């Protein structure tokens, strides 16, 4: 295993640990605090009037993120083909 692969696996494990350390307690707090009920009511009674500017910007942001991920995967795959 190369040094880069070792470093990458250790960094991924560290990031996963940090995310789980933060997400699990916050989820438990939200589940027991009534926040889930407030979110359900907000989703049920929100306005149904069109897509809106924020919906457009959210969709654009999502497309940019997906496009970036696809670009990164393509660059990694092309880099591996050149080495072989």
C-alpha atoms as a PDB file:
ATOM      1  CA  UNK A   1       0.000   0.000   0.000  1.00  0.00           C
ATOM      2  CA  UNK A   2       1.465   3.327  -0.987  1.00  0.00           C
ATOM      3  CA  UNK A   3       1.978   6.197   1.398  1.00  0.00           C
ATOM      4  CA  UNK A   4      -0.766   8.231  -0.275  1.00  0.00           C
ATOM      5  CA  UNK A   5      -3.283   5.401   0.087  1.00  0.00           C
ATOM      6  CA  UNK A   6      -2.391   4.976   3.755  1.00  0.00           C
ATOM      7  CA  UNK A   7      -2.709   8.698   4.362  1.00  0.00           C
ATOM      8  CA  UNK A   8      -6.025   8.841   2.493  1.00  0.00           C
ATOM      9  CA  UNK A   9      -7.506   5.925   4.445  1.00  0.00           C
ATOM     10  CA  UNK A  10      -6.426   7.429   7.762  1.00  0.00           C
ATOM     11  CA  UNK A  11      -7.852  10.838   6.831  1.00  0.00           C
ATOM     12  CA  UNK A  12     -11.141   9.256   5.744  1.00  0.00           C
ATOM     13  CA  UNK A  13     -11.370   7.330   9.014  1.00  0.00           C
ATOM     14  CA  UNK A  14     -10.686  10.494  11.014  1.00  0.00           C
ATOM     15  CA  UNK A  15     -13.304  12.511   9.124  1.00  0.00           C
ATOM     16  CA  UNK A  16     -15.847   9.712   9.531  1.00  0.00           C
ATOM     17  CA  UNK A  17     -15.167   9.609  13.261  1.00  0.00           C
ATOM     18  CA  UNK A  18     -15.566  13.361  13.637  1.00  0.00           C
ATOM     19  CA  UNK A  19     -18.806  13.394  11.640  1.00  0.00           C
ATOM     20  CA  UNK A  20     -20.281  10.549  13.676  1.00  0.00           C
ATOM     21  CA  UNK A  21     -19.162  12.200  16.898  1.00  0.00           C
ATOM     22  CA  UNK A  22     -21.098  15.322  15.949  1.00  0.00           C
ATOM     23  CA  UNK A  23     -24.111  13.845  14.142  1.00  0.00           C
ATOM     24  CA  UNK A  24     -25.203  11.116  16.567  1.00  0.00           C
ATOM     25  CA  UNK A  25     -25.678  13.359  19.651  1.00  0.00           C
ATOM     26  CA  UNK A  26     -27.371  16.083  17.603  1.00  0.00           C
ATOM     27  CA  UNK A  27     -29.764  13.540  16.110  1.00  0.00           C
ATOM     28  CA  UNK A  28     -30.581  12.137  19.549  1.00  0.00           C
ATOM     29  CA  UNK A  29     -31.196  15.629  20.903  1.00  0.00           C
ATOM     30  CA  UNK A  30     -33.441  16.566  17.988  1.00  0.00           C
ATOM     31  CA  UNK A  31     -35.442  13.341  18.262  1.00  0.00           C
ATOM     32  CA  UNK A  32     -36.113  13.865  21.965  1.00  0.00           C
ATOM     33  CA  UNK A  33     -36.650  17.619  21.883  1.00  0.00           C
ATOM     34  CA  UNK A  34     -39.713  17.907  19.666  1.00  0.00           C
ATOM     35  CA  UNK A  35     -37.751  19.380  16.782  1.00  0.00           C
ATOM     36  CA  UNK A  36     -38.907  16.558  14.508  1.00  0.00           C
ATOM     37  CA  UNK A  37     -42.544  17.513  15.139  1.00  0.00           C
ATOM     38  CA  UNK A  38     -41.850  21.150  14.277  1.00  0.00           C
ATOM     39  CA  UNK A  39     -40.104  20.119  11.060  1.00  0.00           C
ATOM     40  CA  UNK A  40     -42.991  17.841  10.098  1.00  0.00           C
ATOM     41  CA  UNK A  41     -45.517  20.630  10.686  1.00  0.00           C
ATOM     42  CA  UNK A  42     -43.421  23.093   8.684  1.00  0.00           C
ATOM     43  CA  UNK A  43     -43.204  20.658   5.789  1.00  0.00           C
ATOM     44  CA  UNK A  44     -46.926  19.957   5.924  1.00  0.00           C
ATOM     45  CA  UNK A  45     -48.043  23.601   5.950  1.00  0.00           C
ATOM     46  CA  UNK A  46     -45.472  25.208   3.689  1.00  0.00           C
ATOM     47  CA  UNK A  47     -46.556  27.200   0.694  1.00  0.00           C
ATOM     48  CA  UNK A  48     -47.150  25.284  -2.506  1.00  0.00           C
ATOM     49  CA  UNK A  49     -46.694  28.278  -4.781  1.00  0.00           C
ATOM     50  CA  UNK A  50     -44.105  27.347  -7.394  1.00  0.00           C
ATOM     51  CA  UNK A  51     -40.431  26.525  -7.459  1.00  0.00           C
ATOM     52  CA  UNK A  52     -39.066  29.933  -6.413  1.00  0.00           C
ATOM     53  CA  UNK A  53     -35.602  31.462  -6.523  1.00  0.00           C
ATOM     54  CA  UNK A  54     -34.235  29.393  -3.651  1.00  0.00           C
ATOM     55  CA  UNK A  55     -35.430  26.201  -5.299  1.00  0.00           C
ATOM     56  CA  UNK A  56     -33.624  27.214  -8.479  1.00  0.00           C
ATOM     57  CA  UNK A  57     -30.422  28.069  -6.617  1.00  0.00           C
ATOM     58  CA  UNK A  58     -30.630  24.839  -4.636  1.00  0.00           C
ATOM     59  CA  UNK A  59     -31.053  22.825  -7.823  1.00  0.00           C
ATOM     60  CA  UNK A  60     -28.149  24.666  -9.448  1.00  0.00           C
ATOM     61  CA  UNK A  61     -25.947  24.030  -6.429  1.00  0.00           C
ATOM     62  CA  UNK A  62     -26.883  20.346  -6.472  1.00  0.00           C
ATOM     63  CA  UNK A  63     -26.006  20.091 -10.167  1.00  0.00           C
ATOM     64  CA  UNK A  64     -22.643  21.767  -9.556  1.00  0.00           C
ATOM     65  CA  UNK A  65     -21.800  19.378  -6.722  1.00  0.00           C
ATOM     66  CA  UNK A  66     -22.786  16.308  -8.757  1.00  0.00           C
ATOM     67  CA  UNK A  67     -20.827  17.634 -11.750  1.00  0.00           C
ATOM     68  CA  UNK A  68     -17.758  18.184  -9.557  1.00  0.00           C
ATOM     69  CA  UNK A  69     -17.948  14.656  -8.197  1.00  0.00           C
ATOM     70  CA  UNK A  70     -18.273  13.222 -11.705  1.00  0.00           C
ATOM     71  CA  UNK A  71     -15.306  15.318 -12.870  1.00  0.00           C
ATOM     72  CA  UNK A  72     -13.150  14.115  -9.988  1.00  0.00           C
ATOM     73  CA  UNK A  73     -14.041  10.478 -10.652  1.00  0.00           C
ATOM     74  CA  UNK A  74     -13.245  10.882 -14.360  1.00  0.00           C
ATOM     75  CA  UNK A  75      -9.876  12.467 -13.604  1.00  0.00           C
ATOM     76  CA  UNK A  76      -8.992   9.671 -11.190  1.00  0.00           C
ATOM     77  CA  UNK A  77      -9.989   6.982 -13.700  1.00  0.00           C
ATOM     78  CA  UNK A  78      -8.030   8.652 -16.526  1.00  0.00           C
ATOM     79  CA  UNK A  79      -4.988   8.984 -14.259  1.00  0.00           C
ATOM     80  CA  UNK A  80      -5.041   5.274 -13.486  1.00  0.00           C
ATOM     81  CA  UNK A  81      -5.233   4.339 -17.169  1.00  0.00           C
ATOM     82  CA  UNK A  82      -2.113   6.366 -17.991  1.00  0.00           C
ATOM     83  CA  UNK A  83      -0.009   4.594 -15.339  1.00  0.00           C
ATOM     84  CA  UNK A  84      -0.896   1.089 -16.525  1.00  0.00           C
END
